[in-house]
C-alpha atoms as a PDB file:
ATOM      1  CA  MET A   1     151.495 202.478 131.810  1.00  0.00           C
ATOM      2  CA  LYS A   2     153.206 199.170 132.578  1.00  0.00           C
ATOM      3  CA  LYS A   3     154.846 196.929 129.676  1.00  0.00           C
ATOM      4  CA  LEU A   4     153.591 193.713 128.578  1.00  0.00           C
ATOM      5  CA  GLN A   5     155.961 190.838 128.068  1.00  0.00           C
ATOM      6  CA  ILE A   6     154.823 188.191 125.638  1.00  0.00           C
ATOM      7  CA  GLY A   7     158.060 185.761 125.065  1.00  0.00           C
ATOM      8  CA  ASN A   8     160.680 187.644 124.837  1.00  0.00           C
ATOM      9  CA  VAL A   9     159.355 190.851 123.341  1.00  0.00           C
ATOM     10  CA  VAL A  10     158.479 193.097 125.204  1.00  0.00           C
ATOM     11  CA  LEU A  11     155.540 195.736 124.171  1.00  0.00           C
ATOM     12  CA  ASP A  12     155.925 199.350 125.685  1.00  0.00           C
ATOM     13  CA  ASN A  13     152.351 198.877 126.781  1.00  0.00           C
ATOM     14  CA  PRO A  14     149.886 196.302 126.848  1.00  0.00           C
ATOM     15  CA  LEU A  15     147.246 197.615 124.548  1.00  0.00           C
ATOM     16  CA  ILE A  16     146.703 195.329 121.412  1.00  0.00           C
ATOM     17  CA  LEU A  17     145.055 196.413 118.023  1.00  0.00           C
ATOM     18  CA  ALA A  18     143.130 192.653 117.050  1.00  0.00           C
ATOM     19  CA  PRO A  19     143.541 190.741 114.043  1.00  0.00           C
ATOM     20  CA  MET A  20     140.493 191.858 111.758  1.00  0.00           C
ATOM     21  CA  ALA A  21     139.800 190.957 108.182  1.00  0.00           C
ATOM     22  CA  GLY A  22     140.055 193.985 106.005  1.00  0.00           C
ATOM     23  CA  VAL A  23     140.958 195.716 108.073  1.00  0.00           C
ATOM     24  CA  THR A  24     143.771 195.728 109.887  1.00  0.00           C
ATOM     25  CA  ASP A  25     146.005 196.192 107.099  1.00  0.00           C
ATOM     26  CA  LEU A  26     148.996 197.675 106.889  1.00  0.00           C
ATOM     27  CA  PRO A  27     148.294 201.306 106.218  1.00  0.00           C
ATOM     28  CA  PHE A  28     145.537 200.826 109.512  1.00  0.00           C
ATOM     29  CA  ARG A  29     148.161 199.545 111.491  1.00  0.00           C
ATOM     30  CA  LEU A  30     150.888 202.102 110.872  1.00  0.00           C
ATOM     31  CA  LEU A  31     148.139 204.953 112.062  1.00  0.00           C
ATOM     32  CA  CYS A  32     147.157 202.708 115.022  1.00  0.00           C
ATOM     33  CA  ARG A  33     151.355 202.066 115.856  1.00  0.00           C
ATOM     34  CA  GLU A  34     151.414 206.020 115.605  1.00  0.00           C
ATOM     35  CA  GLN A  35     148.218 206.883 118.366  1.00  0.00           C
ATOM     36  CA  GLY A  36     149.925 204.232 120.604  1.00  0.00           C
ATOM     37  CA  ALA A  37     148.962 200.935 120.186  1.00  0.00           C
ATOM     38  CA  GLY A  38     151.944 199.344 121.545  1.00  0.00           C
ATOM     39  CA  LEU A  39     151.186 195.470 119.599  1.00  0.00           C
ATOM     40  CA  VAL A  40     149.770 195.524 116.011  1.00  0.00           C
ATOM     41  CA  CYS A  41     147.614 192.170 115.041  1.00  0.00           C
ATOM     42  CA  MET A  42     147.962 191.242 110.597  1.00  0.00           C
ATOM     43  CA  GLU A  43     144.866 190.375 109.214  1.00  0.00           C
ATOM     44  CA  MET A  44     144.366 186.296 109.710  1.00  0.00           C
ATOM     45  CA  ILE A  45     146.542 184.263 106.988  1.00  0.00           C
ATOM     46  CA  SER A  46     145.531 181.079 106.035  1.00  0.00           C
ATOM     47  CA  ALA A  47     147.686 178.597 106.222  1.00  0.00           C
ATOM     48  CA  LYS A  48     147.026 176.558 103.716  1.00  0.00           C
ATOM     49  CA  ALA A  49     147.226 179.656 101.018  1.00  0.00           C
ATOM     50  CA  ILE A  50     151.015 179.779 102.426  1.00  0.00           C
ATOM     51  CA  PHE A  51     151.032 176.157 101.332  1.00  0.00           C
ATOM     52  CA  PHE A  52     149.685 177.040  97.946  1.00  0.00           C
ATOM     53  CA  HIS A  53     152.138 180.261  97.716  1.00  0.00           C
ATOM     54  CA  ASN A  54     148.818 182.564  97.115  1.00  0.00           C
ATOM     55  CA  LYS A  55     149.875 185.562  95.546  1.00  0.00           C
ATOM     56  CA  ASN A  56     147.424 187.381  97.420  1.00  0.00           C
ATOM     57  CA  THR A  57     148.977 186.157 101.111  1.00  0.00           C
ATOM     58  CA  ASP A  58     152.144 187.392  99.937  1.00  0.00           C
ATOM     59  CA  LYS A  59     151.122 190.856 100.105  1.00  0.00           C
ATOM     60  CA  LEU A  60     148.753 190.490 103.530  1.00  0.00           C
ATOM     61  CA  MET A  61     152.382 189.536 104.630  1.00  0.00           C
ATOM     62  CA  GLU A  62     154.444 192.324 103.839  1.00  0.00           C
ATOM     63  CA  ILE A  63     155.355 193.996 107.663  1.00  0.00           C
ATOM     64  CA  ASP A  64     156.850 197.941 107.603  1.00  0.00           C
ATOM     65  CA  PRO A  65     159.181 198.502 110.235  1.00  0.00           C
ATOM     66  CA  GLY A  66     157.006 201.827 111.711  1.00  0.00           C
ATOM     67  CA  GLU A  67     154.575 199.333 112.797  1.00  0.00           C
ATOM     68  CA  GLN A  68     156.763 196.826 114.479  1.00  0.00           C
ATOM     69  CA  PRO A  69     156.452 194.800 116.841  1.00  0.00           C
ATOM     70  CA  ALA A  70     153.777 192.814 114.695  1.00  0.00           C
ATOM     71  CA  VAL A  71     151.612 190.145 115.423  1.00  0.00           C
ATOM     72  CA  LEU A  72     151.551 187.909 112.208  1.00  0.00           C
ATOM     73  CA  GLN A  73     148.288 185.167 112.947  1.00  0.00           C
ATOM     74  CA  LEU A  74     147.445 181.973 111.262  1.00  0.00           C
ATOM     75  CA  PHE A  75     144.139 180.544 110.880  1.00  0.00           C
ATOM     76  CA  GLY A  76     143.800 176.176 109.734  1.00  0.00           C
ATOM     77  CA  SER A  77     143.263 173.299 111.380  1.00  0.00           C
ATOM     78  CA  ASP A  78     146.235 170.736 109.857  1.00  0.00           C
ATOM     79  CA  PRO A  79     148.528 170.226 112.507  1.00  0.00           C
ATOM     80  CA  GLU A  80     151.765 170.221 109.405  1.00  0.00           C
ATOM     81  CA  ILE A  81     150.119 172.391 107.449  1.00  0.00           C
ATOM     82  CA  ILE A  82     150.132 175.466 110.466  1.00  0.00           C
ATOM     83  CA  SER A  83     153.943 174.258 112.120  1.00  0.00           C
ATOM     84  CA  GLU A  84     155.106 173.532 108.421  1.00  0.00           C
ATOM     85  CA  MET A  85     154.050 177.121 107.410  1.00  0.00           C
ATOM     86  CA  ALA A  86     154.983 178.661 110.318  1.00  0.00           C
ATOM     87  CA  SER A  87     158.462 177.328 109.885  1.00  0.00           C
ATOM     88  CA  ARG A  88     158.504 178.391 106.533  1.00  0.00           C
ATOM     89  CA  ILE A  89     157.304 182.355 107.004  1.00  0.00           C
ATOM     90  CA  GLU A  90     159.666 182.877 110.224  1.00  0.00           C
ATOM     91  CA  GLU A  91     162.088 185.023 108.733  1.00  0.00           C
ATOM     92  CA  LYS A  92     159.581 187.266 108.259  1.00  0.00           C
ATOM     93  CA  PRO A  93     159.816 190.352 110.480  1.00  0.00           C
ATOM     94  CA  PHE A  94     156.958 189.723 112.703  1.00  0.00           C
ATOM     95  CA  ALA A  95     157.841 189.349 115.923  1.00  0.00           C
ATOM     96  CA  ILE A  96     155.004 187.076 117.023  1.00  0.00           C
ATOM     97  CA  LEU A  97     153.245 184.393 115.870  1.00  0.00           C
ATOM     98  CA  ASP A  98     148.878 184.022 116.278  1.00  0.00           C
ATOM     99  CA  ILE A  99     147.147 180.931 115.748  1.00  0.00           C
ATOM    100  CA  ASN A 100     143.463 181.962 115.476  1.00  0.00           C
ATOM    101  CA  MET A 101     140.657 179.549 117.365  1.00  0.00           C
ATOM    102  CA  GLY A 102     137.980 182.364 117.813  1.00  0.00           C
ATOM    103  CA  CYS A 103     136.987 183.114 114.460  1.00  0.00           C
ATOM    104  CA  PRO A 104     133.041 183.105 114.100  1.00  0.00           C
ATOM    105  CA  VAL A 105     132.534 183.063 110.510  1.00  0.00           C
ATOM    106  CA  PRO A 106     131.098 180.598 108.612  1.00  0.00           C
ATOM    107  CA  LYS A 107     133.444 179.608 105.692  1.00  0.00           C
ATOM    108  CA  VAL A 108     135.830 179.664 108.014  1.00  0.00           C
ATOM    109  CA  VAL A 109     133.611 177.525 110.913  1.00  0.00           C
ATOM    110  CA  ASN A 110     132.357 175.028 108.721  1.00  0.00           C
ATOM    111  CA  ASN A 111     136.226 173.799 107.547  1.00  0.00           C
ATOM    112  CA  GLY A 112     136.629 172.757 111.404  1.00  0.00           C
ATOM    113  CA  GLU A 113     139.117 176.288 111.602  1.00  0.00           C
ATOM    114  CA  GLY A 114     138.858 179.527 113.916  1.00  0.00           C
ATOM    115  CA  SER A 115     136.382 179.110 116.616  1.00  0.00           C
ATOM    116  CA  ALA A 116     135.242 175.209 115.586  1.00  0.00           C
ATOM    117  CA  LEU A 117     138.782 174.721 116.647  1.00  0.00           C
ATOM    118  CA  MET A 118     137.549 174.932 120.455  1.00  0.00           C
ATOM    119  CA  LYS A 119     134.886 171.982 119.798  1.00  0.00           C
ATOM    120  CA  ASN A 120     138.099 170.028 120.030  1.00  0.00           C
ATOM    121  CA  PRO A 121     140.734 170.241 122.371  1.00  0.00           C
ATOM    122  CA  LYS A 122     142.982 167.397 121.347  1.00  0.00           C
ATOM    123  CA  LEU A 123     143.691 168.660 118.428  1.00  0.00           C
ATOM    124  CA  VAL A 124     144.135 172.028 119.744  1.00  0.00           C
ATOM    125  CA  GLU A 125     146.825 170.566 121.583  1.00  0.00           C
ATOM    126  CA  GLN A 126     148.272 169.067 118.211  1.00  0.00           C
ATOM    127  CA  ILE A 127     148.543 172.278 116.888  1.00  0.00           C
ATOM    128  CA  ILE A 128     150.040 174.675 119.877  1.00  0.00           C
ATOM    129  CA  THR A 129     152.917 171.640 120.080  1.00  0.00           C
ATOM    130  CA  LYS A 130     153.617 171.422 116.657  1.00  0.00           C
ATOM    131  CA  THR A 131     153.691 174.640 115.983  1.00  0.00           C
ATOM    132  CA  VAL A 132     155.605 175.799 119.124  1.00  0.00           C
ATOM    133  CA  LYS A 133     158.179 173.011 118.582  1.00  0.00           C
ATOM    134  CA  ALA A 134     158.229 174.374 114.855  1.00  0.00           C
ATOM    135  CA  VAL A 135     159.807 178.399 115.355  1.00  0.00           C
ATOM    136  CA  ARG A 136     161.680 180.264 117.598  1.00  0.00           C
ATOM    137  CA  LYS A 137     159.033 183.364 117.983  1.00  0.00           C
ATOM    138  CA  PRO A 138     156.553 183.412 120.761  1.00  0.00           C
ATOM    139  CA  VAL A 139     153.367 181.594 119.960  1.00  0.00           C
ATOM    140  CA  THR A 140     150.438 182.914 120.820  1.00  0.00           C
ATOM    141  CA  ILE A 141     146.249 181.720 120.566  1.00  0.00           C
ATOM    142  CA  LYS A 142     142.961 183.872 120.319  1.00  0.00           C
ATOM    143  CA  ILE A 143     139.826 181.801 121.324  1.00  0.00           C
ATOM    144  CA  ARG A 144     136.651 182.505 122.494  1.00  0.00           C
ATOM    145  CA  LYS A 145     134.431 182.659 125.658  1.00  0.00           C
ATOM    146  CA  GLY A 146     133.607 178.888 124.082  1.00  0.00           C
ATOM    147  CA  PHE A 147     131.699 177.884 121.074  1.00  0.00           C
ATOM    148  CA  CYS A 148     128.618 177.993 122.728  1.00  0.00           C
ATOM    149  CA  ASP A 149     126.751 178.580 125.616  1.00  0.00           C
ATOM    150  CA  ASN A 150     126.096 174.392 126.095  1.00  0.00           C
ATOM    151  CA  MET A 151     129.750 174.395 125.857  1.00  0.00           C
ATOM    152  CA  VAL A 152     132.027 177.046 127.678  1.00  0.00           C
ATOM    153  CA  ASN A 153     135.709 176.035 127.513  1.00  0.00           C
ATOM    154  CA  ALA A 154     137.941 179.132 127.269  1.00  0.00           C
ATOM    155  CA  VAL A 155     139.674 178.076 130.454  1.00  0.00           C
ATOM    156  CA  GLU A 156     140.385 174.466 129.644  1.00  0.00           C
ATOM    157  CA  ILE A 157     141.823 175.868 126.141  1.00  0.00           C
ATOM    158  CA  ALA A 158     143.811 178.460 127.809  1.00  0.00           C
ATOM    159  CA  LYS A 159     145.720 175.473 130.203  1.00  0.00           C
ATOM    160  CA  ILE A 160     146.913 173.032 126.914  1.00  0.00           C
ATOM    161  CA  ALA A 161     147.559 176.211 125.009  1.00  0.00           C
ATOM    162  CA  GLU A 162     150.167 176.810 128.756  1.00  0.00           C
ATOM    163  CA  GLY A 163     150.925 173.309 129.072  1.00  0.00           C
ATOM    164  CA  CYS A 164     151.988 173.354 125.687  1.00  0.00           C
ATOM    165  CA  GLY A 165     154.572 175.804 125.214  1.00  0.00           C
ATOM    166  CA  ALA A 166     152.312 179.187 124.049  1.00  0.00           C
ATOM    167  CA  SER A 167     153.651 182.282 125.794  1.00  0.00           C
ATOM    168  CA  ALA A 168     149.893 184.088 126.080  1.00  0.00           C
ATOM    169  CA  VAL A 169     146.242 183.915 125.140  1.00  0.00           C
ATOM    170  CA  ALA A 170     143.613 186.701 124.032  1.00  0.00           C
ATOM    171  CA  VAL A 171     140.223 185.846 125.230  1.00  0.00           C
ATOM    172  CA  HIS A 172     137.596 187.461 123.302  1.00  0.00           C
ATOM    173  CA  GLY A 173     134.432 186.705 125.974  1.00  0.00           C
ATOM    174  CA  ARG A 174     131.643 186.303 123.927  1.00  0.00           C
ATOM    175  CA  THR A 175     130.674 182.235 122.529  1.00  0.00           C
ATOM    176  CA  ARG A 176     131.031 181.313 119.040  1.00  0.00           C
ATOM    177  CA  GLU A 177     126.716 181.344 118.876  1.00  0.00           C
ATOM    178  CA  GLN A 178     126.868 184.698 119.880  1.00  0.00           C
ATOM    179  CA  TYR A 179     129.162 186.463 117.220  1.00  0.00           C
ATOM    180  CA  TYR A 180     129.588 190.529 118.085  1.00  0.00           C
ATOM    181  CA  SER A 181     126.060 190.556 120.128  1.00  0.00           C
ATOM    182  CA  GLY A 182     124.831 190.976 123.774  1.00  0.00           C
ATOM    183  CA  ARG A 183     127.597 191.836 126.168  1.00  0.00           C
ATOM    184  CA  ALA A 184     130.695 190.515 126.218  1.00  0.00           C
ATOM    185  CA  ASP A 185     131.450 188.205 129.480  1.00  0.00           C
ATOM    186  CA  TRP A 186     134.995 189.712 131.243  1.00  0.00           C
ATOM    187  CA  ASP A 187     134.143 186.812 134.177  1.00  0.00           C
ATOM    188  CA  ILE A 188     135.021 184.203 131.888  1.00  0.00           C
ATOM    189  CA  ILE A 189     138.797 185.963 131.298  1.00  0.00           C
ATOM    190  CA  ALA A 190     138.804 186.247 134.968  1.00  0.00           C
ATOM    191  CA  LYS A 191     138.382 182.583 135.191  1.00  0.00           C
ATOM    192  CA  VAL A 192     140.741 182.053 132.525  1.00  0.00           C
ATOM    193  CA  LYS A 193     143.766 184.966 133.931  1.00  0.00           C
ATOM    194  CA  ASP A 194     143.062 183.106 137.453  1.00  0.00           C
ATOM    195  CA  ALA A 195     143.863 179.631 135.699  1.00  0.00           C
ATOM    196  CA  VAL A 196     147.034 180.121 133.877  1.00  0.00           C
ATOM    197  CA  SER A 197     150.178 182.360 134.765  1.00  0.00           C
ATOM    198  CA  ILE A 198     151.043 183.634 131.246  1.00  0.00           C
ATOM    199  CA  PRO A 199     149.794 186.673 130.451  1.00  0.00           C
ATOM    200  CA  VAL A 200     146.426 186.982 129.537  1.00  0.00           C
ATOM    201  CA  ILE A 201     144.322 189.433 126.911  1.00  0.00           C
ATOM    202  CA  GLY A 202     141.243 190.739 127.225  1.00  0.00           C
ATOM    203  CA  ASN A 203     138.584 191.047 124.253  1.00  0.00           C
ATOM    204  CA  GLY A 204     135.123 192.559 124.319  1.00  0.00           C
ATOM    205  CA  ASP A 205     133.746 195.898 124.499  1.00  0.00           C
ATOM    206  CA  VAL A 206     136.734 197.910 125.082  1.00  0.00           C
ATOM    207  CA  THR A 207     135.747 200.878 123.668  1.00  0.00           C
ATOM    208  CA  ASP A 208     136.714 203.984 125.461  1.00  0.00           C
ATOM    209  CA  GLY A 209     139.110 204.920 128.765  1.00  0.00           C
ATOM    210  CA  LEU A 210     136.291 203.569 131.054  1.00  0.00           C
ATOM    211  CA  SER A 211     135.816 200.378 129.758  1.00  0.00           C
ATOM    212  CA  ALA A 212     139.580 199.691 129.004  1.00  0.00           C
ATOM    213  CA  LYS A 213     139.968 201.093 132.915  1.00  0.00           C
ATOM    214  CA  ALA A 214     137.146 198.751 133.734  1.00  0.00           C
ATOM    215  CA  MET A 215     138.191 195.582 132.127  1.00  0.00           C
ATOM    216  CA  LEU A 216     141.620 195.694 133.879  1.00  0.00           C
ATOM    217  CA  GLU A 217     140.033 195.940 137.262  1.00  0.00           C
ATOM    218  CA  GLN A 218     137.130 193.694 136.918  1.00  0.00           C
ATOM    219  CA  THR A 219     139.546 191.060 135.026  1.00  0.00           C
ATOM    220  CA  GLY A 220     142.674 191.048 136.065  1.00  0.00           C
ATOM    221  CA  CYS A 221     143.884 190.511 132.449  1.00  0.00           C
ATOM    222  CA  ASP A 222     147.213 192.092 131.708  1.00  0.00           C
ATOM    223  CA  GLY A 223     146.784 193.439 127.850  1.00  0.00           C
ATOM    224  CA  LEU A 224     143.489 194.982 126.278  1.00  0.00           C
ATOM    225  CA  MET A 225     143.016 194.131 122.849  1.00  0.00           C
ATOM    226  CA  VAL A 226     140.558 196.334 121.253  1.00  0.00           C
ATOM    227  CA  GLY A 227     138.860 195.106 117.580  1.00  0.00           C
ATOM    228  CA  ARG A 228     135.594 197.142 116.391  1.00  0.00           C
ATOM    229  CA  ALA A 229     135.605 200.416 118.451  1.00  0.00           C
ATOM    230  CA  ALA A 230     139.891 200.975 116.907  1.00  0.00           C
ATOM    231  CA  ARG A 231     137.288 201.107 113.482  1.00  0.00           C
ATOM    232  CA  GLY A 232     137.767 204.407 112.082  1.00  0.00           C
ATOM    233  CA  ASN A 233     139.463 205.446 115.014  1.00  0.00           C
ATOM    234  CA  PRO A 234     142.913 204.540 115.610  1.00  0.00           C
ATOM    235  CA  TRP A 235     143.050 208.072 118.279  1.00  0.00           C
ATOM    236  CA  ILE A 236     140.952 205.283 120.711  1.00  0.00           C
ATOM    237  CA  PHE A 237     144.473 203.791 121.626  1.00  0.00           C
ATOM    238  CA  LYS A 238     145.885 207.436 122.816  1.00  0.00           C
ATOM    239  CA  GLU A 239     143.064 207.869 124.498  1.00  0.00           C
ATOM    240  CA  ILE A 240     142.680 204.628 126.608  1.00  0.00           C
ATOM    241  CA  LEU A 241     146.523 205.332 127.474  1.00  0.00           C
ATOM    242  CA  TYR A 242     144.838 209.351 128.745  1.00  0.00           C
ATOM    243  CA  TYR A 243     142.565 208.377 130.294  1.00  0.00           C
ATOM    244  CA  LEU A 244     144.638 205.360 132.518  1.00  0.00           C
ATOM    245  CA  GLU A 245     147.172 208.252 133.009  1.00  0.00           C
ATOM    246  CA  THR A 246     144.667 210.836 134.238  1.00  0.00           C
ATOM    247  CA  GLY A 247     142.044 209.545 134.856  1.00  0.00           C
ATOM    248  CA  ARG A 248     140.308 212.251 132.591  1.00  0.00           C
ATOM    249  CA  GLY A 249     137.666 211.586 130.327  1.00  0.00           C
ATOM    250  CA  ASP A 250     137.846 214.729 127.860  1.00  0.00           C
ATOM    251  CA  PHE A 251     139.516 213.125 125.432  1.00  0.00           C
ATOM    252  CA  LYS A 252     138.856 214.994 121.854  1.00  0.00           C
ATOM    253  CA  VAL A 253     140.146 214.598 118.166  1.00  0.00           C
ATOM    254  CA  PRO A 254     139.782 217.908 116.401  1.00  0.00           C
ATOM    255  CA  ALA A 255     137.437 217.210 112.727  1.00  0.00           C
ATOM    256  CA  LYS A 256     141.159 218.785 111.447  1.00  0.00           C
ATOM    257  CA  GLU A 257     142.947 215.958 112.317  1.00  0.00           C
ATOM    258  CA  VAL A 258     140.263 213.114 111.576  1.00  0.00           C
ATOM    259  CA  ARG A 259     140.354 215.144 108.162  1.00  0.00           C
ATOM    260  CA  GLU A 260     144.137 214.632 107.451  1.00  0.00           C
ATOM    261  CA  THR A 261     144.436 211.192 109.153  1.00  0.00           C
ATOM    262  CA  ILE A 262     141.456 209.975 106.481  1.00  0.00           C
ATOM    263  CA  MET A 263     144.100 210.984 103.619  1.00  0.00           C
ATOM    264  CA  ARG A 264     147.152 210.183 104.846  1.00  0.00           C
ATOM    265  CA  HIS A 265     145.216 206.578 105.448  1.00  0.00           C
ATOM    266  CA  ALA A 266     143.774 207.087 102.005  1.00  0.00           C
ATOM    267  CA  LYS A 267     147.385 207.632  99.895  1.00  0.00           C
ATOM    268  CA  MET A 268     148.869 205.166 102.210  1.00  0.00           C
ATOM    269  CA  ALA A 269     146.461 201.846 100.468  1.00  0.00           C
ATOM    270  CA  LEU A 270     147.080 204.301  97.351  1.00  0.00           C
ATOM    271  CA  ALA A 271     150.887 204.147  97.352  1.00  0.00           C
ATOM    272  CA  ILE A 272     150.274 200.081  97.994  1.00  0.00           C
ATOM    273  CA  LYS A 273     147.213 199.266  96.220  1.00  0.00           C
ATOM    274  CA  GLY A 274     146.774 201.148  93.402  1.00  0.00           C
ATOM    275  CA  GLU A 275     143.789 203.383  93.173  1.00  0.00           C
ATOM    276  CA  TYR A 276     141.162 200.875  91.693  1.00  0.00           C
ATOM    277  CA  THR A 277     141.141 198.589  94.983  1.00  0.00           C
ATOM    278  CA  ALA A 278     142.015 201.665  97.491  1.00  0.00           C
ATOM    279  CA  VAL A 279     139.565 203.788  96.799  1.00  0.00           C
ATOM    280  CA  ARG A 280     137.001 200.989  97.131  1.00  0.00           C
ATOM    281  CA  GLU A 281     137.857 199.779 100.264  1.00  0.00           C
ATOM    282  CA  MET A 282     138.657 202.979 101.314  1.00  0.00           C
ATOM    283  CA  ARG A 283     134.573 203.395 101.499  1.00  0.00           C
ATOM    284  CA  LYS A 284     134.309 201.626 104.102  1.00  0.00           C
ATOM    285  CA  HIS A 285     137.004 203.342 106.514  1.00  0.00           C
ATOM    286  CA  ILE A 286     135.540 206.710 105.009  1.00  0.00           C
ATOM    287  CA  GLY A 287     132.007 205.288 107.106  1.00  0.00           C
ATOM    288  CA  TRP A 288     133.750 204.760 109.997  1.00  0.00           C
ATOM    289  CA  TYR A 289     136.177 207.831 110.452  1.00  0.00           C
ATOM    290  CA  THR A 290     133.468 210.069 109.227  1.00  0.00           C
ATOM    291  CA  ALA A 291     129.976 208.392 111.719  1.00  0.00           C
ATOM    292  CA  GLY A 292     128.655 211.061 114.102  1.00  0.00           C
ATOM    293  CA  TYR A 293     129.812 214.334 112.013  1.00  0.00           C
ATOM    294  CA  PRO A 294     127.334 216.589 110.781  1.00  0.00           C
ATOM    295  CA  ASN A 295     126.223 215.327 106.851  1.00  0.00           C
ATOM    296  CA  SER A 296     128.414 212.532 107.433  1.00  0.00           C
ATOM    297  CA  ALA A 297     125.137 209.986 106.228  1.00  0.00           C
ATOM    298  CA  VAL A 298     125.301 211.934 103.067  1.00  0.00           C
ATOM    299  CA  LEU A 299     128.835 211.448 102.499  1.00  0.00           C
ATOM    300  CA  ARG A 300     128.449 207.766 102.897  1.00  0.00           C
ATOM    301  CA  ARG A 301     125.427 207.131 100.325  1.00  0.00           C
ATOM    302  CA  ASP A 302     127.895 209.650  98.019  1.00  0.00           C
ATOM    303  CA  ILE A 303     131.043 208.164  99.061  1.00  0.00           C
ATOM    304  CA  ASN A 304     130.013 204.204  97.445  1.00  0.00           C
ATOM    305  CA  GLY A 305     129.858 206.015  93.817  1.00  0.00           C
ATOM    306  CA  MET A 306     133.842 206.986  94.559  1.00  0.00           C
ATOM    307  CA  GLU A 307     135.598 205.684  91.349  1.00  0.00           C
ATOM    308  CA  THR A 308     138.718 207.827  91.498  1.00  0.00           C
ATOM    309  CA  PHE A 309     141.020 209.035  93.928  1.00  0.00           C
ATOM    310  CA  ALA A 310     140.290 212.616  93.146  1.00  0.00           C
ATOM    311  CA  GLU A 311     136.917 211.684  93.704  1.00  0.00           C
ATOM    312  CA  LEU A 312     137.491 210.654  97.450  1.00  0.00           C
ATOM    313  CA  GLU A 313     139.643 213.462  98.316  1.00  0.00           C
ATOM    314  CA  ARG A 314     136.898 216.327  97.148  1.00  0.00           C
ATOM    315  CA  ALA A 315     134.346 214.536  98.977  1.00  0.00           C
ATOM    316  CA  VAL A 316     137.118 214.555 102.394  1.00  0.00           C
ATOM    317  CA  ASN A 317     137.618 217.721 101.885  1.00  0.00           C
ATOM    318  CA  ASN A 318     134.263 219.091 101.358  1.00  0.00           C
ATOM    319  CA  ILE A 319     132.211 217.518 104.563  1.00  0.00           C
ATOM    320  CA  LEU A 320     134.605 218.742 107.827  1.00  0.00           C
ATOM    321  CA  TRP A 321     132.944 219.617 110.011  1.00  0.00           C
ATOM    322  CA  GLU A 322     134.006 221.646 112.606  1.00  0.00           C
END
């Protein structure tokens, strides 16, 4: 598998774990890196929260040597605050700084942040220009096809990013209006690839080895970003690498390994977050990990009542599963 270079950062392979709030925390990123992700993205972080010294934000910015290289993603709409906060945190051991211009969540969009930035190309230009000048590390952006069907401007925004010194652009092939519904438009990713010379990372509907190969062939993109398909499935990166190398679709994870990985994930979360938070956050992860297994529906019902780590461990050991 070919390497991918973003600025001065060289990745072992072009497979990237997308940033997902409430999902891509430190334990999950470590698991995805182990399973073959060439690059992992942290949960998006508010530039304003850094400015106001929010303690919870400090925890979100914790990075482990085992997950390197990692992307730290900022969101905001004020060029001064984003660039100044980027400079303030640059000493942290992340490899790449990404600016979120694709988040569709109403509370973000209503503040003029995330995908709302795509409605204001001039502001995009100001944010990228100031941030690139403020830091030495590579700066990238993550965008969508456009804000809505009447405003499809991913190519325009990508050209602006390149002109302002961005080192790469990730393109999700859906508009903000679509959220995550319908099919991702891979043609827009191909158009962006044709329009700029910096690396273009395709995002949207990469769910397995077959779809990964199809996106690479259809768009010519330089990298692949995997988001929702990685939830409960850190092995997707190993699966994609296996398919691209062999052309075979027979990759399978033994149920025993699934069980062991759930418990590793839970123990890492316990060590970092404490029992109360770890158990509650693991509920959704266990639901994703066990989807499709016998009795998984019963498990998902039961895990919502779990309060202690002992209950979690007992539930996981009782249901698997060959």
